[in-house]
Amino acid sequence: MAIRTYRSLSIYRTDALLVGGPADFTLDTRPLKQRVGESIALDDRGDLWLGSEASGSRAPQLARIACPLTRP
């Protein structure tokens, strides 16, 4: 389960989330400068894609991050 806020991204294994356990991975997303960051997707290679919507004259943005939970 991935939970994204405007400041961070947290990824939980389902069993940990169900019992209120800690996130397995947390990332500060503020350096991405996605002021209106909203979406997250996981691709076939295990990379996370974080998207933002357009904001004023600023076009939508995509950022790719290697997810350490999908790497051996």
PDB file of N, CA and C in Angstrom:
ATOM      1  N   MET A   1       0.854  -1.155   0.000  1.00  0.00           N
ATOM      2  CA  MET A   1       0.000   0.000   0.000  1.00  0.00           C
ATOM      3  C   MET A   1       0.903   1.221   0.000  1.00  0.00           C
ATOM      4  N   ALA A   2       0.628   2.139  -0.900  1.00  0.00           N
ATOM      5  CA  ALA A   2       1.374   3.391  -0.962  1.00  0.00           C
ATOM      6  C   ALA A   2       0.462   4.540  -0.551  1.00  0.00           C
ATOM      7  N   ILE A   3       0.966   5.394   0.313  1.00  0.00           N
ATOM      8  CA  ILE A   3       0.225   6.568   0.752  1.00  0.00           C
ATOM      9  C   ILE A   3       1.093   7.778   0.465  1.00  0.00           C
ATOM     10  N   ARG A   4       0.550   8.697  -0.315  1.00  0.00           N
ATOM     11  CA  ARG A   4       1.289   9.893  -0.679  1.00  0.00           C
ATOM     12  C   ARG A   4       0.586  11.124  -0.132  1.00  0.00           C
ATOM     13  N   THR A   5       1.375  12.001   0.467  1.00  0.00           N
ATOM     14  CA  THR A   5       0.884  13.309   0.881  1.00  0.00           C
ATOM     15  C   THR A   5       1.644  14.347   0.048  1.00  0.00           C
ATOM     16  N   TYR A   6       1.426  15.607   0.314  1.00  0.00           N
ATOM     17  CA  TYR A   6       2.176  16.640  -0.407  1.00  0.00           C
ATOM     18  C   TYR A   6       3.628  16.701   0.045  1.00  0.00           C
ATOM     19  N   ARG A   7       3.975  16.029   1.123  1.00  0.00           N
ATOM     20  CA  ARG A   7       5.334  16.076   1.655  1.00  0.00           C
ATOM     21  C   ARG A   7       6.066  14.741   1.664  1.00  0.00           C
ATOM     22  N   SER A   8       5.353  13.643   1.602  1.00  0.00           N
ATOM     23  CA  SER A   8       6.042  12.361   1.725  1.00  0.00           C
ATOM     24  C   SER A   8       5.302  11.236   1.010  1.00  0.00           C
ATOM     25  N   LEU A   9       6.030  10.152   0.850  1.00  0.00           N
ATOM     26  CA  LEU A   9       5.495   8.917   0.299  1.00  0.00           C
ATOM     27  C   LEU A   9       5.864   7.808   1.271  1.00  0.00           C
ATOM     28  N   SER A  10       4.892   7.026   1.678  1.00  0.00           N
ATOM     29  CA  SER A  10       5.141   5.892   2.567  1.00  0.00           C
ATOM     30  C   SER A  10       4.591   4.632   1.919  1.00  0.00           C
ATOM     31  N   ILE A  11       5.379   3.570   1.988  1.00  0.00           N
ATOM     32  CA  ILE A  11       4.948   2.282   1.440  1.00  0.00           C
ATOM     33  C   ILE A  11       4.937   1.266   2.572  1.00  0.00           C
ATOM     34  N   TYR A  12       3.811   0.586   2.692  1.00  0.00           N
ATOM     35  CA  TYR A  12       3.599  -0.402   3.747  1.00  0.00           C
ATOM     36  C   TYR A  12       3.357  -1.771   3.129  1.00  0.00           C
ATOM     37  N   ARG A  13       3.845  -2.779   3.778  1.00  0.00           N
ATOM     38  CA  ARG A  13       3.405  -4.138   3.440  1.00  0.00           C
ATOM     39  C   ARG A  13       2.007  -4.269   4.054  1.00  0.00           C
ATOM     40  N   THR A  14       1.135  -4.989   3.386  1.00  0.00           N
ATOM     41  CA  THR A  14      -0.264  -5.059   3.816  1.00  0.00           C
ATOM     42  C   THR A  14      -0.401  -5.530   5.250  1.00  0.00           C
ATOM     43  N   ASP A  15       0.332  -6.584   5.628  1.00  0.00           N
ATOM     44  CA  ASP A  15       0.189  -7.103   6.990  1.00  0.00           C
ATOM     45  C   ASP A  15       0.634  -6.081   8.033  1.00  0.00           C
ATOM     46  N   ALA A  16       1.666  -5.299   7.751  1.00  0.00           N
ATOM     47  CA  ALA A  16       2.118  -4.271   8.691  1.00  0.00           C
ATOM     48  C   ALA A  16       1.089  -3.151   8.799  1.00  0.00           C
ATOM     49  N   LEU A  17       0.523  -2.759   7.686  1.00  0.00           N
ATOM     50  CA  LEU A  17      -0.477  -1.684   7.695  1.00  0.00           C
ATOM     51  C   LEU A  17      -1.710  -2.090   8.499  1.00  0.00           C
ATOM     52  N   LEU A  18      -2.140  -3.327   8.350  1.00  0.00           N
ATOM     53  CA  LEU A  18      -3.352  -3.787   9.030  1.00  0.00           C
ATOM     54  C   LEU A  18      -3.216  -3.794  10.546  1.00  0.00           C
ATOM     55  N   VAL A  19      -1.997  -3.940  11.043  1.00  0.00           N
ATOM     56  CA  VAL A  19      -1.807  -3.957  12.496  1.00  0.00           C
ATOM     57  C   VAL A  19      -1.218  -2.643  13.011  1.00  0.00           C
ATOM     58  N   GLY A  20      -1.172  -1.621  12.147  1.00  0.00           N
ATOM     59  CA  GLY A  20      -0.673  -0.320  12.569  1.00  0.00           C
ATOM     60  C   GLY A  20       0.841  -0.245  12.659  1.00  0.00           C
ATOM     61  N   GLY A  21       1.514  -1.134  11.950  1.00  0.00           N
ATOM     62  CA  GLY A  21       2.975  -1.143  11.967  1.00  0.00           C
ATOM     63  C   GLY A  21       3.575  -0.007  11.170  1.00  0.00           C
ATOM     64  N   PRO A  22       4.882   0.132  11.262  1.00  0.00           N
ATOM     65  CA  PRO A  22       5.553   1.234  10.561  1.00  0.00           C
ATOM     66  C   PRO A  22       5.662   0.975   9.061  1.00  0.00           C
ATOM     67  N   ALA A  23       5.901   2.043   8.329  1.00  0.00           N
ATOM     68  CA  ALA A  23       6.121   1.931   6.880  1.00  0.00           C
ATOM     69  C   ALA A  23       7.439   1.209   6.622  1.00  0.00           C
ATOM     70  N   ASP A  24       7.479   0.441   5.539  1.00  0.00           N
ATOM     71  CA  ASP A  24       8.707  -0.232   5.141  1.00  0.00           C
ATOM     72  C   ASP A  24       9.640   0.717   4.401  1.00  0.00           C
ATOM     73  N   PHE A  25       9.090   1.793   3.863  1.00  0.00           N
ATOM     74  CA  PHE A  25       9.871   2.759   3.097  1.00  0.00           C
ATOM     75  C   PHE A  25       9.170   4.098   3.177  1.00  0.00           C
ATOM     76  N   THR A  26       9.908   5.138   3.499  1.00  0.00           N
ATOM     77  CA  THR A  26       9.360   6.490   3.529  1.00  0.00           C
ATOM     78  C   THR A  26      10.315   7.412   2.795  1.00  0.00           C
ATOM     79  N   LEU A  27       9.755   8.293   1.989  1.00  0.00           N
ATOM     80  CA  LEU A  27      10.546   9.210   1.181  1.00  0.00           C
ATOM     81  C   LEU A  27      10.010  10.621   1.355  1.00  0.00           C
ATOM     82  N   ASP A  28      10.906  11.568   1.579  1.00  0.00           N
ATOM     83  CA  ASP A  28      10.540  12.980   1.605  1.00  0.00           C
ATOM     84  C   ASP A  28      10.404  13.425   0.151  1.00  0.00           C
ATOM     85  N   THR A  29       9.214  13.787  -0.281  1.00  0.00           N
ATOM     86  CA  THR A  29       8.987  14.162  -1.679  1.00  0.00           C
ATOM     87  C   THR A  29       9.157  15.653  -1.941  1.00  0.00           C
ATOM     88  N   ARG A  30       9.429  16.442  -0.929  1.00  0.00           N
ATOM     89  CA  ARG A  30       9.568  17.885  -1.125  1.00  0.00           C
ATOM     90  C   ARG A  30      10.670  18.253  -2.112  1.00  0.00           C
ATOM     91  N   PRO A  31      11.816  17.546  -2.149  1.00  0.00           N
ATOM     92  CA  PRO A  31      12.848  17.902  -3.141  1.00  0.00           C
ATOM     93  C   PRO A  31      12.386  17.742  -4.597  1.00  0.00           C
ATOM     94  N   LEU A  32      11.308  16.983  -4.834  1.00  0.00           N
ATOM     95  CA  LEU A  32      10.793  16.830  -6.196  1.00  0.00           C
ATOM     96  C   LEU A  32      10.111  18.103  -6.684  1.00  0.00           C
ATOM     97  N   LYS A  33       9.751  18.980  -5.758  1.00  0.00           N
ATOM     98  CA  LYS A  33       9.095  20.255  -6.080  1.00  0.00           C
ATOM     99  C   LYS A  33       7.799  20.058  -6.867  1.00  0.00           C
ATOM    100  N   GLN A  34       7.073  19.007  -6.508  1.00  0.00           N
ATOM    101  CA  GLN A  34       5.742  18.774  -7.074  1.00  0.00           C
ATOM    102  C   GLN A  34       4.734  19.358  -6.087  1.00  0.00           C
ATOM    103  N   ARG A  35       4.443  20.628  -6.261  1.00  0.00           N
ATOM    104  CA  ARG A  35       3.583  21.325  -5.302  1.00  0.00           C
ATOM    105  C   ARG A  35       2.216  20.670  -5.160  1.00  0.00           C
ATOM    106  N   VAL A  36       1.724  20.095  -6.215  1.00  0.00           N
ATOM    107  CA  VAL A  36       0.409  19.449  -6.178  1.00  0.00           C
ATOM    108  C   VAL A  36       0.577  17.983  -6.570  1.00  0.00           C
ATOM    109  N   GLY A  37       1.515  17.297  -5.911  1.00  0.00           N
ATOM    110  CA  GLY A  37       1.754  15.880  -6.195  1.00  0.00           C
ATOM    111  C   GLY A  37       0.557  15.045  -5.787  1.00  0.00           C
ATOM    112  N   GLU A  38       0.137  14.159  -6.672  1.00  0.00           N
ATOM    113  CA  GLU A  38      -1.074  13.397  -6.392  1.00  0.00           C
ATOM    114  C   GLU A  38      -0.974  11.908  -6.669  1.00  0.00           C
ATOM    115  N   SER A  39      -0.300  11.514  -7.720  1.00  0.00           N
ATOM    116  CA  SER A  39      -0.408  10.121  -8.144  1.00  0.00           C
ATOM    117  C   SER A  39       0.878   9.351  -7.905  1.00  0.00           C
ATOM    118  N   ILE A  40       0.709   8.022  -7.872  1.00  0.00           N
ATOM    119  CA  ILE A  40       1.851   7.123  -7.751  1.00  0.00           C
ATOM    120  C   ILE A  40       1.517   5.836  -8.493  1.00  0.00           C
ATOM    121  N   ALA A  41       2.517   5.296  -9.172  1.00  0.00           N
ATOM    122  CA  ALA A  41       2.350   4.025  -9.886  1.00  0.00           C
ATOM    123  C   ALA A  41       3.642   3.239  -9.764  1.00  0.00           C
ATOM    124  N   LEU A  42       3.539   1.927  -9.843  1.00  0.00           N
ATOM    125  CA  LEU A  42       4.682   1.035  -9.809  1.00  0.00           C
ATOM    126  C   LEU A  42       4.750   0.337 -11.154  1.00  0.00           C
ATOM    127  N   ASP A  43       5.899   0.435 -11.850  1.00  0.00           N
ATOM    128  CA  ASP A  43       5.990  -0.195 -13.167  1.00  0.00           C
ATOM    129  C   ASP A  43       6.553  -1.612 -13.072  1.00  0.00           C
ATOM    130  N   ASP A  44       6.667  -2.288 -14.205  1.00  0.00           N
ATOM    131  CA  ASP A  44       7.119  -3.682 -14.251  1.00  0.00           C
ATOM    132  C   ASP A  44       8.558  -3.867 -13.781  1.00  0.00           C
ATOM    133  N   ARG A  45       9.364  -2.806 -13.812  1.00  0.00           N
ATOM    134  CA  ARG A  45      10.757  -2.889 -13.365  1.00  0.00           C
ATOM    135  C   ARG A  45      10.899  -2.617 -11.876  1.00  0.00           C
ATOM    136  N   GLY A  46       9.818  -2.218 -11.237  1.00  0.00           N
ATOM    137  CA  GLY A  46       9.865  -1.910  -9.819  1.00  0.00           C
ATOM    138  C   GLY A  46      10.176  -0.461  -9.521  1.00  0.00           C
ATOM    139  N   ASP A  47      10.061   0.405 -10.525  1.00  0.00           N
ATOM    140  CA  ASP A  47      10.267   1.829 -10.317  1.00  0.00           C
ATOM    141  C   ASP A  47       8.948   2.495  -9.956  1.00  0.00           C
ATOM    142  N   LEU A  48       9.032   3.468  -9.067  1.00  0.00           N
ATOM    143  CA  LEU A  48       7.866   4.265  -8.692  1.00  0.00           C
ATOM    144  C   LEU A  48       7.807   5.500  -9.569  1.00  0.00           C
ATOM    145  N   TRP A  49       6.633   5.822 -10.037  1.00  0.00           N
ATOM    146  CA  TRP A  49       6.400   7.041 -10.819  1.00  0.00           C
ATOM    147  C   TRP A  49       5.471   7.922 -10.009  1.00  0.00           C
ATOM    148  N   LEU A  50       5.914   9.138  -9.740  1.00  0.00           N
ATOM    149  CA  LEU A  50       5.112  10.097  -8.984  1.00  0.00           C
ATOM    150  C   LEU A  50       4.716  11.234  -9.909  1.00  0.00           C
ATOM    151  N   GLY A  51       3.441  11.522  -9.960  1.00  0.00           N
ATOM    152  CA  GLY A  51       2.935  12.556 -10.857  1.00  0.00           C
ATOM    153  C   GLY A  51       2.289  13.698 -10.101  1.00  0.00           C
ATOM    154  N   SER A  52       2.302  14.848 -10.752  1.00  0.00           N
ATOM    155  CA  SER A  52       1.631  16.012 -10.182  1.00  0.00           C
ATOM    156  C   SER A  52       0.678  16.571 -11.223  1.00  0.00           C
ATOM    157  N   GLU A  53      -0.297  17.312 -10.758  1.00  0.00           N
ATOM    158  CA  GLU A  53      -1.183  17.974 -11.703  1.00  0.00           C
ATOM    159  C   GLU A  53      -0.586  19.331 -12.065  1.00  0.00           C
ATOM    160  N   ALA A  54      -1.118  19.935 -13.100  1.00  0.00           N
ATOM    161  CA  ALA A  54      -0.661  21.265 -13.494  1.00  0.00           C
ATOM    162  C   ALA A  54      -1.004  22.253 -12.388  1.00  0.00           C
ATOM    163  N   SER A  55      -0.161  23.267 -12.241  1.00  0.00           N
ATOM    164  CA  SER A  55      -0.381  24.283 -11.221  1.00  0.00           C
ATOM    165  C   SER A  55      -0.081  25.640 -11.827  1.00  0.00           C
ATOM    166  N   GLY A  56      -1.130  26.423 -12.084  1.00  0.00           N
ATOM    167  CA  GLY A  56      -0.948  27.714 -12.727  1.00  0.00           C
ATOM    168  C   GLY A  56      -0.385  27.521 -14.125  1.00  0.00           C
ATOM    169  N   SER A  57       0.734  28.127 -14.418  1.00  0.00           N
ATOM    170  CA  SER A  57       1.361  27.977 -15.737  1.00  0.00           C
ATOM    171  C   SER A  57       2.337  26.806 -15.773  1.00  0.00           C
ATOM    172  N   ARG A  58       2.488  26.100 -14.673  1.00  0.00           N
ATOM    173  CA  ARG A  58       3.421  24.975 -14.590  1.00  0.00           C
ATOM    174  C   ARG A  58       2.766  23.696 -15.105  1.00  0.00           C
ATOM    175  N   ALA A  59       3.438  23.019 -16.017  1.00  0.00           N
ATOM    176  CA  ALA A  59       2.915  21.777 -16.601  1.00  0.00           C
ATOM    177  C   ALA A  59       2.971  20.637 -15.578  1.00  0.00           C
ATOM    178  N   PRO A  60       2.168  19.584 -15.771  1.00  0.00           N
ATOM    179  CA  PRO A  60       2.265  18.417 -14.899  1.00  0.00           C
ATOM    180  C   PRO A  60       3.681  17.844 -14.950  1.00  0.00           C
ATOM    181  N   GLN A  61       4.087  17.196 -13.867  1.00  0.00           N
ATOM    182  CA  GLN A  61       5.425  16.632 -13.791  1.00  0.00           C
ATOM    183  C   GLN A  61       5.376  15.156 -13.451  1.00  0.00           C
ATOM    184  N   LEU A  62       6.398  14.427 -13.928  1.00  0.00           N
ATOM    185  CA  LEU A  62       6.597  13.034 -13.558  1.00  0.00           C
ATOM    186  C   LEU A  62       7.989  12.887 -12.955  1.00  0.00           C
ATOM    187  N   ALA A  63       8.105  12.066 -11.924  1.00  0.00           N
ATOM    188  CA  ALA A  63       9.396  11.734 -11.336  1.00  0.00           C
ATOM    189  C   ALA A  63       9.477  10.229 -11.197  1.00  0.00           C
ATOM    190  N   ARG A  64      10.633   9.654 -11.529  1.00  0.00           N
ATOM    191  CA  ARG A  64      10.835   8.200 -11.391  1.00  0.00           C
ATOM    192  C   ARG A  64      11.833   7.955 -10.281  1.00  0.00           C
ATOM    193  N   ILE A  65      11.485   7.023  -9.388  1.00  0.00           N
ATOM    194  CA  ILE A  65      12.326   6.674  -8.251  1.00  0.00           C
ATOM    195  C   ILE A  65      12.407   5.154  -8.163  1.00  0.00           C
ATOM    196  N   ALA A  66      13.610   4.632  -7.979  1.00  0.00           N
ATOM    197  CA  ALA A  66      13.773   3.188  -7.800  1.00  0.00           C
ATOM    198  C   ALA A  66      13.232   2.815  -6.419  1.00  0.00           C
ATOM    199  N   CYS A  67      12.317   1.877  -6.376  1.00  0.00           N
ATOM    200  CA  CYS A  67      11.735   1.448  -5.107  1.00  0.00           C
ATOM    201  C   CYS A  67      12.642   0.381  -4.484  1.00  0.00           C
ATOM    202  N   PRO A  68      13.199   0.644  -3.310  1.00  0.00           N
ATOM    203  CA  PRO A  68      14.106  -0.337  -2.701  1.00  0.00           C
ATOM    204  C   PRO A  68      13.408  -1.630  -2.271  1.00  0.00           C
ATOM    205  N   LEU A  69      12.113  -1.621  -2.160  1.00  0.00           N
ATOM    206  CA  LEU A  69      11.396  -2.837  -1.751  1.00  0.00           C
ATOM    207  C   LEU A  69      11.271  -3.849  -2.880  1.00  0.00           C
ATOM    208  N   THR A  70      11.490  -3.413  -4.121  1.00  0.00           N
ATOM    209  CA  THR A  70      11.369  -4.335  -5.250  1.00  0.00           C
ATOM    210  C   THR A  70      12.726  -4.798  -5.733  1.00  0.00           C
ATOM    211  N   ARG A  71      13.811  -4.351  -5.097  1.00  0.00           N
ATOM    212  CA  ARG A  71      15.170  -4.730  -5.502  1.00  0.00           C
ATOM    213  C   ARG A  71      15.642  -5.880  -4.621  1.00  0.00           C
ATOM    214  N   PRO A  72      16.382  -6.832  -5.212  1.00  0.00           N
ATOM    215  CA  PRO A  72      16.899  -7.964  -4.409  1.00  0.00           C
ATOM    216  C   PRO A  72      17.891  -7.510  -3.367  1.00  0.00           C
TER     217      PRO A  72
END
